[in-house]
Amino acid sequence: MNEFTCYVGNQIKSYRKAARLTLQQLGDAIHKSRATVCKYESGEISPDLETLREKAYSLEKKLRAEAKH
């Protein structure tokens, strides 16, 4: 587990919580298991660039929907 992987994991967790998504909901949105998302957030594994893009899109979409309410 390196510093960058931990940083990315913390950012994923922060944005997921801001979007009020559970691990399962984010996992479903990016076609990964809840356990995999948990490992990303804890820094155990590092997501590939395509997965990061999918996460960013899913979180942005959710945050925009929240902002409308």
PDB file of N, CA and C in Angstrom:
ATOM      1  N   MET A   1       0.863  -1.173   0.000  1.00  0.00           N
ATOM      2  CA  MET A   1       0.000   0.000   0.000  1.00  0.00           C
ATOM      3  C   MET A   1       0.908   1.234   0.000  1.00  0.00           C
ATOM      4  N   ASN A   2       0.802   2.055  -1.050  1.00  0.00           N
ATOM      5  CA  ASN A   2       1.641   3.241  -1.101  1.00  0.00           C
ATOM      6  C   ASN A   2       0.829   4.504  -0.822  1.00  0.00           C
ATOM      7  N   GLU A   3       1.522   5.600  -0.716  1.00  0.00           N
ATOM      8  CA  GLU A   3       0.898   6.871  -0.361  1.00  0.00           C
ATOM      9  C   GLU A   3      -0.165   7.293  -1.382  1.00  0.00           C
ATOM     10  N   PHE A   4       0.131   7.116  -2.659  1.00  0.00           N
ATOM     11  CA  PHE A   4      -0.826   7.497  -3.698  1.00  0.00           C
ATOM     12  C   PHE A   4      -2.105   6.659  -3.618  1.00  0.00           C
ATOM     13  N   THR A   5      -1.948   5.358  -3.428  1.00  0.00           N
ATOM     14  CA  THR A   5      -3.108   4.470  -3.329  1.00  0.00           C
ATOM     15  C   THR A   5      -3.981   4.858  -2.137  1.00  0.00           C
ATOM     16  N   CYS A   6      -3.348   5.189  -1.018  1.00  0.00           N
ATOM     17  CA  CYS A   6      -4.104   5.625   0.163  1.00  0.00           C
ATOM     18  C   CYS A   6      -4.827   6.947  -0.102  1.00  0.00           C
ATOM     19  N   TYR A   7      -4.141   7.870  -0.776  1.00  0.00           N
ATOM     20  CA  TYR A   7      -4.747   9.165  -1.108  1.00  0.00           C
ATOM     21  C   TYR A   7      -5.977   8.963  -1.991  1.00  0.00           C
ATOM     22  N   VAL A   8      -5.840   8.158  -3.035  1.00  0.00           N
ATOM     23  CA  VAL A   8      -6.957   7.893  -3.941  1.00  0.00           C
ATOM     24  C   VAL A   8      -8.106   7.258  -3.164  1.00  0.00           C
ATOM     25  N   GLY A   9      -7.804   6.301  -2.314  1.00  0.00           N
ATOM     26  CA  GLY A   9      -8.833   5.644  -1.513  1.00  0.00           C
ATOM     27  C   GLY A   9      -9.580   6.613  -0.615  1.00  0.00           C
ATOM     28  N   ASN A  10      -8.844   7.509   0.013  1.00  0.00           N
ATOM     29  CA  ASN A  10      -9.480   8.512   0.877  1.00  0.00           C
ATOM     30  C   ASN A  10     -10.363   9.451   0.078  1.00  0.00           C
ATOM     31  N   GLN A  11      -9.933   9.803  -1.121  1.00  0.00           N
ATOM     32  CA  GLN A  11     -10.741  10.672  -1.973  1.00  0.00           C
ATOM     33  C   GLN A  11     -12.021   9.974  -2.416  1.00  0.00           C
ATOM     34  N   ILE A  12     -11.906   8.717  -2.790  1.00  0.00           N
ATOM     35  CA  ILE A  12     -13.090   7.951  -3.186  1.00  0.00           C
ATOM     36  C   ILE A  12     -14.090   7.912  -2.038  1.00  0.00           C
ATOM     37  N   LYS A  13     -13.608   7.605  -0.858  1.00  0.00           N
ATOM     38  CA  LYS A  13     -14.485   7.520   0.312  1.00  0.00           C
ATOM     39  C   LYS A  13     -15.140   8.864   0.607  1.00  0.00           C
ATOM     40  N   SER A  14     -14.373   9.921   0.543  1.00  0.00           N
ATOM     41  CA  SER A  14     -14.890  11.258   0.818  1.00  0.00           C
ATOM     42  C   SER A  14     -16.005  11.639  -0.155  1.00  0.00           C
ATOM     43  N   TYR A  15     -15.769  11.431  -1.439  1.00  0.00           N
ATOM     44  CA  TYR A  15     -16.777  11.764  -2.435  1.00  0.00           C
ATOM     45  C   TYR A  15     -17.973  10.824  -2.365  1.00  0.00           C
ATOM     46  N   ARG A  16     -17.750   9.560  -2.052  1.00  0.00           N
ATOM     47  CA  ARG A  16     -18.871   8.618  -1.911  1.00  0.00           C
ATOM     48  C   ARG A  16     -19.783   9.071  -0.781  1.00  0.00           C
ATOM     49  N   LYS A  17     -19.176   9.455   0.334  1.00  0.00           N
ATOM     50  CA  LYS A  17     -19.988   9.901   1.474  1.00  0.00           C
ATOM     51  C   LYS A  17     -20.705  11.211   1.166  1.00  0.00           C
ATOM     52  N   ALA A  18     -20.036  12.114   0.457  1.00  0.00           N
ATOM     53  CA  ALA A  18     -20.675  13.377   0.079  1.00  0.00           C
ATOM     54  C   ALA A  18     -21.883  13.130  -0.818  1.00  0.00           C
ATOM     55  N   ALA A  19     -21.791  12.098  -1.643  1.00  0.00           N
ATOM     56  CA  ALA A  19     -22.897  11.739  -2.538  1.00  0.00           C
ATOM     57  C   ALA A  19     -23.945  10.890  -1.832  1.00  0.00           C
ATOM     58  N   ARG A  20     -23.697  10.573  -0.561  1.00  0.00           N
ATOM     59  CA  ARG A  20     -24.615   9.757   0.243  1.00  0.00           C
ATOM     60  C   ARG A  20     -24.871   8.394  -0.379  1.00  0.00           C
ATOM     61  N   LEU A  21     -23.791   7.785  -0.858  1.00  0.00           N
ATOM     62  CA  LEU A  21     -23.868   6.449  -1.435  1.00  0.00           C
ATOM     63  C   LEU A  21     -23.263   5.436  -0.475  1.00  0.00           C
ATOM     64  N   THR A  22     -23.842   4.267  -0.424  1.00  0.00           N
ATOM     65  CA  THR A  22     -23.244   3.173   0.326  1.00  0.00           C
ATOM     66  C   THR A  22     -22.159   2.531  -0.536  1.00  0.00           C
ATOM     67  N   LEU A  23     -21.341   1.700   0.083  1.00  0.00           N
ATOM     68  CA  LEU A  23     -20.351   0.950  -0.677  1.00  0.00           C
ATOM     69  C   LEU A  23     -21.036   0.131  -1.771  1.00  0.00           C
ATOM     70  N   GLN A  24     -22.159  -0.472  -1.429  1.00  0.00           N
ATOM     71  CA  GLN A  24     -22.894  -1.302  -2.386  1.00  0.00           C
ATOM     72  C   GLN A  24     -23.422  -0.473  -3.547  1.00  0.00           C
ATOM     73  N   GLN A  25     -23.968   0.693  -3.267  1.00  0.00           N
ATOM     74  CA  GLN A  25     -24.520   1.532  -4.328  1.00  0.00           C
ATOM     75  C   GLN A  25     -23.429   1.989  -5.299  1.00  0.00           C
ATOM     76  N   LEU A  26     -22.282   2.392  -4.761  1.00  0.00           N
ATOM     77  CA  LEU A  26     -21.187   2.789  -5.646  1.00  0.00           C
ATOM     78  C   LEU A  26     -20.684   1.585  -6.430  1.00  0.00           C
ATOM     79  N   GLY A  27     -20.549   0.460  -5.763  1.00  0.00           N
ATOM     80  CA  GLY A  27     -20.125  -0.754  -6.447  1.00  0.00           C
ATOM     81  C   GLY A  27     -21.050  -1.123  -7.592  1.00  0.00           C
ATOM     82  N   ASP A  28     -22.344  -1.043  -7.350  1.00  0.00           N
ATOM     83  CA  ASP A  28     -23.322  -1.336  -8.398  1.00  0.00           C
ATOM     84  C   ASP A  28     -23.171  -0.370  -9.578  1.00  0.00           C
ATOM     85  N   ALA A  29     -22.926   0.901  -9.271  1.00  0.00           N
ATOM     86  CA  ALA A  29     -22.810   1.914 -10.319  1.00  0.00           C
ATOM     87  C   ALA A  29     -21.590   1.707 -11.207  1.00  0.00           C
ATOM     88  N   ILE A  30     -20.529   1.124 -10.638  1.00  0.00           N
ATOM     89  CA  ILE A  30     -19.298   0.941 -11.424  1.00  0.00           C
ATOM     90  C   ILE A  30     -19.026  -0.527 -11.744  1.00  0.00           C
ATOM     91  N   HIS A  31     -19.997  -1.365 -11.454  1.00  0.00           N
ATOM     92  CA  HIS A  31     -19.914  -2.798 -11.774  1.00  0.00           C
ATOM     93  C   HIS A  31     -18.779  -3.500 -11.033  1.00  0.00           C
ATOM     94  N   LYS A  32     -18.649  -3.151  -9.748  1.00  0.00           N
ATOM     95  CA  LYS A  32     -17.668  -3.798  -8.868  1.00  0.00           C
ATOM     96  C   LYS A  32     -18.409  -4.228  -7.605  1.00  0.00           C
ATOM     97  N   SER A  33     -17.822  -5.170  -6.877  1.00  0.00           N
ATOM     98  CA  SER A  33     -18.464  -5.625  -5.639  1.00  0.00           C
ATOM     99  C   SER A  33     -18.246  -4.605  -4.517  1.00  0.00           C
ATOM    100  N   ARG A  34     -19.077  -4.710  -3.503  1.00  0.00           N
ATOM    101  CA  ARG A  34     -18.936  -3.859  -2.328  1.00  0.00           C
ATOM    102  C   ARG A  34     -17.557  -4.055  -1.713  1.00  0.00           C
ATOM    103  N   ALA A  35     -17.099  -5.302  -1.676  1.00  0.00           N
ATOM    104  CA  ALA A  35     -15.794  -5.622  -1.094  1.00  0.00           C
ATOM    105  C   ALA A  35     -14.659  -4.951  -1.876  1.00  0.00           C
ATOM    106  N   THR A  36     -14.782  -4.912  -3.190  1.00  0.00           N
ATOM    107  CA  THR A  36     -13.756  -4.267  -4.018  1.00  0.00           C
ATOM    108  C   THR A  36     -13.710  -2.769  -3.737  1.00  0.00           C
ATOM    109  N   VAL A  37     -14.873  -2.124  -3.660  1.00  0.00           N
ATOM    110  CA  VAL A  37     -14.912  -0.692  -3.358  1.00  0.00           C
ATOM    111  C   VAL A  37     -14.294  -0.444  -1.982  1.00  0.00           C
ATOM    112  N   CYS A  38     -14.585  -1.294  -1.035  1.00  0.00           N
ATOM    113  CA  CYS A  38     -14.008  -1.181   0.305  1.00  0.00           C
ATOM    114  C   CYS A  38     -12.482  -1.263   0.241  1.00  0.00           C
ATOM    115  N   LYS A  39     -11.964  -2.169  -0.562  1.00  0.00           N
ATOM    116  CA  LYS A  39     -10.516  -2.309  -0.707  1.00  0.00           C
ATOM    117  C   LYS A  39      -9.905  -1.089  -1.379  1.00  0.00           C
ATOM    118  N   TYR A  40     -10.613  -0.497  -2.336  1.00  0.00           N
ATOM    119  CA  TYR A  40     -10.126   0.750  -2.939  1.00  0.00           C
ATOM    120  C   TYR A  40     -10.016   1.829  -1.863  1.00  0.00           C
ATOM    121  N   GLU A  41     -11.071   1.969  -1.077  1.00  0.00           N
ATOM    122  CA  GLU A  41     -11.100   3.012  -0.059  1.00  0.00           C
ATOM    123  C   GLU A  41     -10.054   2.815   1.033  1.00  0.00           C
ATOM    124  N   SER A  42      -9.767   1.593   1.377  1.00  0.00           N
ATOM    125  CA  SER A  42      -8.789   1.324   2.432  1.00  0.00           C
ATOM    126  C   SER A  42      -7.355   1.339   1.913  1.00  0.00           C
ATOM    127  N   GLY A  43      -7.193   1.414   0.588  1.00  0.00           N
ATOM    128  CA  GLY A  43      -5.867   1.443   0.004  1.00  0.00           C
ATOM    129  C   GLY A  43      -5.246   0.075  -0.197  1.00  0.00           C
ATOM    130  N   GLU A  44      -6.033  -0.978   0.014  1.00  0.00           N
ATOM    131  CA  GLU A  44      -5.514  -2.338  -0.182  1.00  0.00           C
ATOM    132  C   GLU A  44      -5.197  -2.617  -1.645  1.00  0.00           C
ATOM    133  N   ILE A  45      -6.044  -2.099  -2.523  1.00  0.00           N
ATOM    134  CA  ILE A  45      -5.819  -2.254  -3.963  1.00  0.00           C
ATOM    135  C   ILE A  45      -6.032  -0.902  -4.634  1.00  0.00           C
ATOM    136  N   SER A  46      -5.471  -0.755  -5.800  1.00  0.00           N
ATOM    137  CA  SER A  46      -5.574   0.496  -6.547  1.00  0.00           C
ATOM    138  C   SER A  46      -6.467   0.282  -7.763  1.00  0.00           C
ATOM    139  N   PRO A  47      -7.452   1.164  -7.969  1.00  0.00           N
ATOM    140  CA  PRO A  47      -8.310   1.023  -9.144  1.00  0.00           C
ATOM    141  C   PRO A  47      -7.564   1.406 -10.419  1.00  0.00           C
ATOM    142  N   ASP A  48      -7.941   0.791 -11.527  1.00  0.00           N
ATOM    143  CA  ASP A  48      -7.343   1.175 -12.802  1.00  0.00           C
ATOM    144  C   ASP A  48      -7.991   2.475 -13.289  1.00  0.00           C
ATOM    145  N   LEU A  49      -7.435   3.059 -14.327  1.00  0.00           N
ATOM    146  CA  LEU A  49      -7.924   4.349 -14.815  1.00  0.00           C
ATOM    147  C   LEU A  49      -9.376   4.299 -15.282  1.00  0.00           C
ATOM    148  N   GLU A  50      -9.779   3.220 -15.920  1.00  0.00           N
ATOM    149  CA  GLU A  50     -11.170   3.109 -16.374  1.00  0.00           C
ATOM    150  C   GLU A  50     -12.124   3.084 -15.184  1.00  0.00           C
ATOM    151  N   THR A  51     -11.758   2.372 -14.145  1.00  0.00           N
ATOM    152  CA  THR A  51     -12.591   2.329 -12.942  1.00  0.00           C
ATOM    153  C   THR A  51     -12.659   3.708 -12.297  1.00  0.00           C
ATOM    154  N   LEU A  52     -11.548   4.424 -12.247  1.00  0.00           N
ATOM    155  CA  LEU A  52     -11.558   5.779 -11.690  1.00  0.00           C
ATOM    156  C   LEU A  52     -12.490   6.686 -12.491  1.00  0.00           C
ATOM    157  N   ARG A  53     -12.466   6.553 -13.808  1.00  0.00           N
ATOM    158  CA  ARG A  53     -13.345   7.357 -14.654  1.00  0.00           C
ATOM    159  C   ARG A  53     -14.807   7.038 -14.365  1.00  0.00           C
ATOM    160  N   GLU A  54     -15.130   5.763 -14.231  1.00  0.00           N
ATOM    161  CA  GLU A  54     -16.504   5.352 -13.931  1.00  0.00           C
ATOM    162  C   GLU A  54     -16.949   5.886 -12.572  1.00  0.00           C
ATOM    163  N   LYS A  55     -16.062   5.818 -11.589  1.00  0.00           N
ATOM    164  CA  LYS A  55     -16.394   6.337 -10.253  1.00  0.00           C
ATOM    165  C   LYS A  55     -16.658   7.826 -10.313  1.00  0.00           C
ATOM    166  N   ALA A  56     -15.781   8.548 -10.993  1.00  0.00           N
ATOM    167  CA  ALA A  56     -15.936   9.992 -11.084  1.00  0.00           C
ATOM    168  C   ALA A  56     -17.278  10.343 -11.721  1.00  0.00           C
ATOM    169  N   TYR A  57     -17.629   9.658 -12.795  1.00  0.00           N
ATOM    170  CA  TYR A  57     -18.894   9.915 -13.467  1.00  0.00           C
ATOM    171  C   TYR A  57     -20.080   9.607 -12.541  1.00  0.00           C
ATOM    172  N   SER A  58     -20.038   8.475 -11.865  1.00  0.00           N
ATOM    173  CA  SER A  58     -21.138   8.075 -10.984  1.00  0.00           C
ATOM    174  C   SER A  58     -21.303   9.042  -9.822  1.00  0.00           C
ATOM    175  N   LEU A  59     -20.189   9.441  -9.231  1.00  0.00           N
ATOM    176  CA  LEU A  59     -20.252  10.356  -8.094  1.00  0.00           C
ATOM    177  C   LEU A  59     -20.690  11.746  -8.529  1.00  0.00           C
ATOM    178  N   GLU A  60     -20.210  12.212  -9.665  1.00  0.00           N
ATOM    179  CA  GLU A  60     -20.611  13.521 -10.166  1.00  0.00           C
ATOM    180  C   GLU A  60     -22.110  13.551 -10.444  1.00  0.00           C
ATOM    181  N   LYS A  61     -22.612  12.498 -11.063  1.00  0.00           N
ATOM    182  CA  LYS A  61     -24.038  12.394 -11.378  1.00  0.00           C
ATOM    183  C   LYS A  61     -24.876  12.449 -10.095  1.00  0.00           C
ATOM    184  N   LYS A  62     -24.456  11.711  -9.080  1.00  0.00           N
ATOM    185  CA  LYS A  62     -25.185  11.688  -7.808  1.00  0.00           C
ATOM    186  C   LYS A  62     -25.102  13.040  -7.104  1.00  0.00           C
ATOM    187  N   LEU A  63     -23.927  13.660  -7.086  1.00  0.00           N
ATOM    188  CA  LEU A  63     -23.778  14.950  -6.423  1.00  0.00           C
ATOM    189  C   LEU A  63     -24.608  16.029  -7.111  1.00  0.00           C
ATOM    190  N   ARG A  64     -24.691  15.991  -8.427  1.00  0.00           N
ATOM    191  CA  ARG A  64     -25.527  16.965  -9.151  1.00  0.00           C
ATOM    192  C   ARG A  64     -27.003  16.762  -8.816  1.00  0.00           C
ATOM    193  N   ALA A  65     -27.419  15.514  -8.694  1.00  0.00           N
ATOM    194  CA  ALA A  65     -28.812  15.230  -8.342  1.00  0.00           C
ATOM    195  C   ALA A  65     -29.109  15.729  -6.930  1.00  0.00           C
ATOM    196  N   GLU A  66     -28.172  15.538  -6.011  1.00  0.00           N
ATOM    197  CA  GLU A  66     -28.353  16.017  -4.634  1.00  0.00           C
ATOM    198  C   GLU A  66     -28.441  17.538  -4.598  1.00  0.00           C
ATOM    199  N   ALA A  67     -27.654  18.217  -5.409  1.00  0.00           N
ATOM    200  CA  ALA A  67     -27.619  19.671  -5.426  1.00  0.00           C
ATOM    201  C   ALA A  67     -28.946  20.267  -5.904  1.00  0.00           C
ATOM    202  N   LYS A  68     -29.672  19.519  -6.715  1.00  0.00           N
ATOM    203  CA  LYS A  68     -30.962  20.003  -7.228  1.00  0.00           C
ATOM    204  C   LYS A  68     -32.043  19.995  -6.156  1.00  0.00           C
ATOM    205  N   HIS A  69     -31.841  19.195  -5.111  1.00  0.00           N
ATOM    206  CA  HIS A  69     -32.872  19.074  -4.052  1.00  0.00           C
ATOM    207  C   HIS A  69     -32.616  20.041  -2.951  1.00  0.00           C
TER     208      HIS A  69
END
